[in-house]
């Protein structure tokens, strides 16, 4: 069972992305997805859901918060959200971080955030100021742990060193863009920082904007708001990856999405990949990753396919 390093958080193998709540999934559909997700997570794990203040301008948080309140499930969940840039001039200033956290607490209808991210680095604000603000939220009990998203290796290292020097709450995790077809940015720098400092990795776009599900191929039109982003992977290399995914998926009797997520979950430093489903049927394609066991040869073949 996945344990977020440096914390007491035992999380689900899959982190459910809440970016679709209030966007491609209305409130009723979002609640249905959440119900199905919680039902599928073993009782030994805490269902892990990721959102951000910028998703739907707070609507994603509100839908998740309303669902937790209606179901009485807040204490079973691990909830991650983020202080996002939006239109802020200095998004990670002390004032903005604290205001964002208060908004998220209200939206989520909770008294604490389990994992609170700096959504994007903010070069206009000294790291000392940002990390002190995060530390104060932790000391006040409003945030349990803090993390970073979209940081460079150098800035992540500097942030960790600053926390150590000042005795502040340190980042326990990184949320990077990482998947089977997007690897160098993480594997050629960030991964070493994460491993050396004992952080957890929680990759977003785990299915490459849907490409790794296998539904986006040359000459095919797909009705999805992510279709344009997925098209970036269509081509000879993408075909090799999809063929390898299809072969492994067929051998296990699961969909390609589950195989792609399992490959990612099995990578060094990865705690849990983040993926979303805009309805219960899409979520059903993801859930088999929880019980899927890939062989060393299968993992190697998938890795080689993306070359």
Protein backbone atom coordinates (compact mmCIF):
# COMPACT_ATOMS: atom_id res chain seq x y z
CA UNK A 1 0.00 0.00 0.00
CA UNK A 2 1.46 3.41 -0.92
CA UNK A 3 2.77 5.55 1.91
CA UNK A 4 3.55 9.18 1.17
CA UNK A 5 7.18 9.49 2.34
CA UNK A 6 7.77 11.59 5.41
CA UNK A 7 4.11 11.46 6.44
CA UNK A 8 1.57 9.19 8.10
CA UNK A 9 -0.62 9.29 4.98
CA UNK A 10 -1.44 5.87 3.53
CA UNK A 11 -2.97 6.67 0.17
CA UNK A 12 -4.69 4.81 -2.63
CA UNK A 13 -2.67 3.42 -5.55
CA UNK A 14 -4.48 5.89 -7.79
CA UNK A 15 -4.90 9.55 -6.94
CA UNK A 16 -8.19 10.73 -8.43
CA UNK A 17 -7.82 14.02 -10.29
CA UNK A 18 -10.52 16.54 -9.44
CA UNK A 19 -9.75 18.88 -12.34
CA UNK A 20 -12.84 17.61 -14.20
CA UNK A 21 -15.26 18.39 -11.36
CA UNK A 22 -17.39 21.31 -12.50
CA UNK A 23 -15.69 21.31 -15.90
CA UNK A 24 -16.42 18.21 -17.99
CA UNK A 25 -18.29 16.56 -15.11
CA UNK A 26 -21.26 18.32 -13.51
CA UNK A 27 -21.94 18.03 -9.80
CA UNK A 28 -24.12 14.91 -9.99
CA UNK A 29 -21.66 13.11 -12.26
CA UNK A 30 -18.73 14.17 -10.08
CA UNK A 31 -20.46 12.75 -7.01
CA UNK A 32 -21.09 9.48 -8.87
CA UNK A 33 -17.41 9.28 -9.83
CA UNK A 34 -16.35 9.93 -6.25
CA UNK A 35 -18.77 7.31 -4.93
CA UNK A 36 -17.39 4.71 -7.33
CA UNK A 37 -13.81 5.63 -6.55
CA UNK A 38 -14.26 5.31 -2.78
CA UNK A 39 -16.04 1.98 -3.20
CA UNK A 40 -13.08 0.65 -5.21
CA UNK A 41 -10.33 1.68 -2.77
CA UNK A 42 -9.35 -1.02 -0.25
CA UNK A 43 -10.25 -0.28 3.36
CA UNK A 44 -6.54 -0.32 4.25
CA UNK A 45 -5.97 2.76 2.08
CA UNK A 46 -7.31 6.29 2.18
CA UNK A 47 -8.98 7.44 -1.06
CA UNK A 48 -6.69 10.16 -2.40
CA UNK A 49 -8.19 13.09 -4.34
CA UNK A 50 -6.28 15.98 -5.92
CA UNK A 51 -7.73 19.39 -6.74
CA UNK A 52 -6.67 23.06 -6.85
CA UNK A 53 -8.18 26.45 -6.18
CA UNK A 54 -7.92 27.33 -9.88
CA UNK A 55 -9.93 24.33 -11.10
CA UNK A 56 -13.25 25.81 -12.13
CA UNK A 57 -12.35 28.92 -10.10
CA UNK A 58 -12.99 26.97 -6.91
CA UNK A 59 -15.89 24.91 -8.20
CA UNK A 60 -13.91 21.65 -8.11
CA UNK A 61 -13.11 22.18 -4.43
CA UNK A 62 -16.74 23.07 -3.70
CA UNK A 63 -18.06 19.93 -5.38
CA UNK A 64 -15.57 17.74 -3.51
CA UNK A 65 -16.32 19.52 -0.24
CA UNK A 66 -20.07 19.16 -0.69
CA UNK A 67 -19.73 15.47 -1.49
CA UNK A 68 -17.55 14.79 1.58
CA UNK A 69 -20.03 16.65 3.80
CA UNK A 70 -23.04 14.79 2.39
CA UNK A 71 -21.38 11.38 2.69
CA UNK A 72 -19.66 12.05 6.03
CA UNK A 73 -16.38 10.77 4.57
CA UNK A 74 -13.91 13.57 5.28
CA UNK A 75 -11.99 11.56 7.87
CA UNK A 76 -11.45 8.67 5.47
CA UNK A 77 -10.10 10.83 2.65
CA UNK A 78 -6.69 12.28 1.86
CA UNK A 79 -7.32 15.63 0.19
CA UNK A 80 -4.72 17.57 -1.77
CA UNK A 81 -5.22 21.06 -3.14
CA UNK A 82 -3.00 23.87 -4.36
CA UNK A 83 -2.32 27.57 -3.99
CA UNK A 84 -2.65 28.56 -7.66
CA UNK A 85 -1.39 31.65 -9.49
CA UNK A 86 -4.60 32.84 -11.17
CA UNK A 87 -4.35 36.60 -11.71
CA UNK A 88 -2.21 37.18 -8.62
CA UNK A 89 0.83 39.41 -8.93
CA UNK A 90 2.79 37.47 -6.27
CA UNK A 91 0.94 34.14 -5.93
CA UNK A 92 3.22 32.61 -3.30
CA UNK A 93 3.57 35.67 -1.10
CA UNK A 94 2.63 35.12 2.52
CA UNK A 95 -0.58 37.09 2.12
CA UNK A 96 -1.70 35.20 -0.99
CA UNK A 97 -0.81 31.75 0.36
CA UNK A 98 -2.77 32.29 3.55
CA UNK A 99 -5.76 33.78 1.72
CA UNK A 100 -5.76 30.90 -0.76
CA UNK A 101 -5.66 28.33 2.03
CA UNK A 102 -8.61 29.96 3.79
CA UNK A 103 -10.63 29.94 0.55
CA UNK A 104 -9.82 26.29 -0.04
CA UNK A 105 -10.79 25.35 3.51
CA UNK A 106 -14.16 27.03 3.01
CA UNK A 107 -14.70 25.46 -0.38
CA UNK A 108 -13.77 22.01 0.89
CA UNK A 109 -15.89 22.46 4.03
CA UNK A 110 -13.09 21.12 6.18
CA UNK A 111 -10.77 22.28 8.94
CA UNK A 112 -7.54 20.94 7.40
CA UNK A 113 -5.89 20.21 4.08
CA UNK A 114 -3.88 16.99 4.07
CA UNK A 115 -1.43 17.98 1.33
CA UNK A 116 -1.10 21.61 0.24
CA UNK A 117 0.90 22.45 -2.88
CA UNK A 118 2.58 25.47 -4.29
CA UNK A 119 0.94 24.98 -7.71
CA UNK A 120 3.66 26.78 -9.67
CA UNK A 121 6.94 28.30 -8.65
CA UNK A 122 6.85 32.05 -8.02
CA UNK A 123 10.16 33.74 -8.79
CA UNK A 124 8.79 37.09 -7.59
CA UNK A 125 8.54 35.94 -3.97
CA UNK A 126 11.52 34.87 -1.81
CA UNK A 127 11.41 31.18 -0.92
CA UNK A 128 11.84 32.12 2.72
CA UNK A 129 8.55 34.03 2.65
CA UNK A 130 6.62 31.25 0.90
CA UNK A 131 7.98 28.49 3.12
CA UNK A 132 7.37 30.50 6.29
CA UNK A 133 3.75 30.99 5.27
CA UNK A 134 3.37 27.25 4.62
CA UNK A 135 5.03 26.48 7.95
CA UNK A 136 2.59 28.75 9.80
CA UNK A 137 -0.35 26.95 8.19
CA UNK A 138 1.09 23.65 9.37
CA UNK A 139 1.66 24.95 12.90
CA UNK A 140 -1.92 26.25 13.00
CA UNK A 141 -3.22 22.81 12.04
CA UNK A 142 -4.84 24.08 8.84
CA UNK A 143 -2.43 22.08 6.66
CA UNK A 144 -0.89 18.72 7.51
CA UNK A 145 1.88 18.58 4.89
CA UNK A 146 3.18 20.83 2.12
CA UNK A 147 4.41 20.02 -1.36
CA UNK A 148 5.58 21.54 -4.64
CA UNK A 149 4.29 21.31 -8.19
CA UNK A 150 6.01 22.36 -11.42
CA UNK A 151 9.35 23.20 -9.78
CA UNK A 152 12.71 22.89 -11.52
CA UNK A 153 15.40 20.69 -9.95
CA UNK A 154 17.37 23.75 -8.85
CA UNK A 155 14.41 25.52 -7.24
CA UNK A 156 13.17 22.38 -5.54
CA UNK A 157 16.63 21.78 -4.10
CA UNK A 158 16.85 25.39 -2.95
CA UNK A 159 13.43 25.17 -1.31
CA UNK A 160 14.38 22.02 0.58
CA UNK A 161 17.67 23.54 1.71
CA UNK A 162 15.88 26.70 2.84
CA UNK A 163 13.39 24.75 4.92
CA UNK A 164 16.22 22.80 6.53
CA UNK A 165 18.22 25.94 7.29
CA UNK A 166 15.28 27.81 8.81
CA UNK A 167 13.68 24.85 10.57
CA UNK A 168 10.46 25.12 8.57
CA UNK A 169 8.02 22.49 7.35
CA UNK A 170 9.58 21.00 4.23
CA UNK A 171 8.02 19.84 1.00
CA UNK A 172 7.24 16.13 1.27
CA UNK A 173 6.23 15.59 -2.36
CA UNK A 174 6.52 16.85 -5.91
CA UNK A 175 3.78 16.87 -8.53
CA UNK A 176 5.47 16.88 -11.95
CA UNK A 177 4.35 16.30 -15.54
CA UNK A 178 5.43 12.67 -16.01
CA UNK A 179 4.13 9.66 -17.88
CA UNK A 180 5.24 6.92 -20.29
CA UNK A 181 5.71 9.36 -23.19
CA UNK A 182 6.85 12.40 -21.12
CA UNK A 183 9.97 11.26 -19.30
CA UNK A 184 13.16 13.34 -19.68
CA UNK A 185 11.97 16.39 -17.74
CA UNK A 186 11.46 14.22 -14.66
CA UNK A 187 13.93 11.37 -15.11
CA UNK A 188 16.92 13.53 -16.09
CA UNK A 189 16.99 15.78 -13.04
CA UNK A 190 13.94 15.98 -10.84
CA UNK A 191 13.91 12.28 -10.02
CA UNK A 192 17.35 12.48 -8.42
CA UNK A 193 16.26 15.42 -6.25
CA UNK A 194 13.12 13.54 -5.19
CA UNK A 195 15.07 10.34 -4.42
CA UNK A 196 17.93 12.05 -2.60
CA UNK A 197 15.57 13.98 -0.36
CA UNK A 198 13.07 11.19 0.28
CA UNK A 199 10.11 12.90 -1.37
CA UNK A 200 7.06 11.31 -2.94
CA UNK A 201 6.28 11.81 -6.62
CA UNK A 202 2.64 12.27 -7.67
CA UNK A 203 2.64 12.73 -11.47
CA UNK A 204 -0.08 14.64 -13.28
CA UNK A 205 -1.14 14.04 -16.91
CA UNK A 206 -0.42 10.40 -16.08
CA UNK A 207 -2.26 9.33 -19.25
CA UNK A 208 -0.68 12.00 -21.47
CA UNK A 209 -3.93 13.96 -21.79
CA UNK A 210 -5.73 10.74 -22.69
CA UNK A 211 -3.33 9.60 -25.41
CA UNK A 212 -2.25 6.50 -23.48
CA UNK A 213 -5.83 5.23 -23.35
CA UNK A 214 -5.40 4.34 -27.01
CA UNK A 215 -8.33 6.32 -28.35
CA UNK A 216 -6.27 9.01 -30.06
CA UNK A 217 -4.72 7.79 -33.30
CA UNK A 218 -3.76 9.35 -36.61
CA UNK A 219 -6.80 10.19 -38.70
CA UNK A 220 -9.29 9.63 -35.89
CA UNK A 221 -11.42 12.38 -34.38
CA UNK A 222 -12.33 12.15 -30.69
CA UNK A 223 -14.90 14.34 -28.97
CA UNK A 224 -12.89 15.47 -25.97
CA UNK A 225 -11.62 18.81 -24.66
CA UNK A 226 -8.19 17.17 -24.39
CA UNK A 227 -8.07 15.90 -27.98
CA UNK A 228 -5.78 18.68 -29.19
CA UNK A 229 -3.25 18.09 -26.42
CA UNK A 230 -3.25 14.33 -27.02
CA UNK A 231 -2.57 14.86 -30.73
CA UNK A 232 0.96 15.96 -29.86
CA UNK A 233 1.84 12.32 -29.23
CA UNK A 234 0.35 10.89 -32.42
CA UNK A 235 3.00 9.51 -34.76
CA UNK A 236 5.50 6.68 -35.17
CA UNK A 237 6.74 6.82 -31.57
CA UNK A 238 3.20 7.06 -30.26
CA UNK A 239 2.19 4.07 -32.34
CA UNK A 240 5.02 2.00 -30.82
CA UNK A 241 3.91 2.92 -27.32
CA UNK A 242 0.26 2.14 -28.00
CA UNK A 243 1.17 -1.21 -29.56
CA UNK A 244 3.20 -2.16 -26.49
CA UNK A 245 0.39 -1.06 -24.20
CA UNK A 246 -2.15 -3.04 -26.22
CA UNK A 247 -0.06 -6.21 -26.01
CA UNK A 248 0.32 -6.01 -22.23
CA UNK A 249 -3.31 -5.02 -21.76
CA UNK A 250 -4.48 -8.00 -23.80
CA UNK A 251 -2.33 -10.36 -21.75
CA UNK A 252 -3.94 -9.14 -18.52
CA UNK A 253 -7.46 -8.57 -19.77
CA UNK A 254 -7.51 -4.89 -18.85
CA UNK A 255 -7.56 -1.60 -20.76
CA UNK A 256 -4.51 0.31 -21.89
CA UNK A 257 -5.13 3.10 -19.39
CA UNK A 258 -4.73 0.72 -16.46
CA UNK A 259 -1.43 -0.59 -17.88
CA UNK A 260 -0.06 2.93 -18.43
CA UNK A 261 -0.98 3.91 -14.88
CA UNK A 262 0.55 0.75 -13.42
CA UNK A 263 3.78 1.31 -15.34
CA UNK A 264 3.95 4.82 -13.87
CA UNK A 265 3.07 3.69 -10.36
CA UNK A 266 5.90 1.14 -10.55
CA UNK A 267 8.56 3.72 -11.41
CA UNK A 268 11.19 4.60 -8.79
CA UNK A 269 10.07 7.44 -6.46
CA UNK A 270 6.42 7.43 -7.67
CA UNK A 271 3.88 7.20 -4.85
CA UNK A 272 0.67 7.37 -6.89
CA UNK A 273 -0.18 8.67 -10.37
CA UNK A 274 -2.97 11.22 -10.80
CA UNK A 275 -5.70 10.55 -13.36
CA UNK A 276 -9.27 11.69 -13.78
CA UNK A 277 -12.46 10.29 -15.23
CA UNK A 278 -15.22 12.57 -16.42
CA UNK A 279 -17.81 9.86 -15.78
CA UNK A 280 -18.10 6.49 -14.06
CA UNK A 281 -17.32 4.59 -17.27
CA UNK A 282 -14.03 6.43 -17.75
CA UNK A 283 -13.13 5.83 -14.13
CA UNK A 284 -13.85 2.11 -14.56
CA UNK A 285 -11.05 1.96 -17.15
CA UNK A 286 -8.56 3.31 -14.60
CA UNK A 287 -9.41 1.27 -11.52
CA UNK A 288 -7.91 -2.09 -12.60
CA UNK A 289 -4.46 -0.54 -12.17
CA UNK A 290 -4.88 -1.09 -8.44
CA UNK A 291 -4.63 -4.88 -8.70
CA UNK A 292 -2.51 -5.12 -11.83
CA UNK A 293 0.91 -6.76 -11.48
CA UNK A 294 3.30 -6.26 -14.38
CA UNK A 295 6.28 -8.53 -14.98
CA UNK A 296 9.78 -7.12 -15.25
CA UNK A 297 9.78 -7.98 -18.94
CA UNK A 298 6.48 -6.14 -19.50
CA UNK A 299 7.74 -3.03 -17.74
CA UNK A 300 10.95 -3.16 -19.74
CA UNK A 301 9.06 -3.52 -23.03
CA UNK A 302 6.86 -0.55 -22.21
CA UNK A 303 9.85 1.57 -21.23
CA UNK A 304 11.70 0.64 -24.42
CA UNK A 305 8.68 1.42 -26.60
CA UNK A 306 8.86 5.08 -25.64
CA UNK A 307 12.60 5.06 -26.33
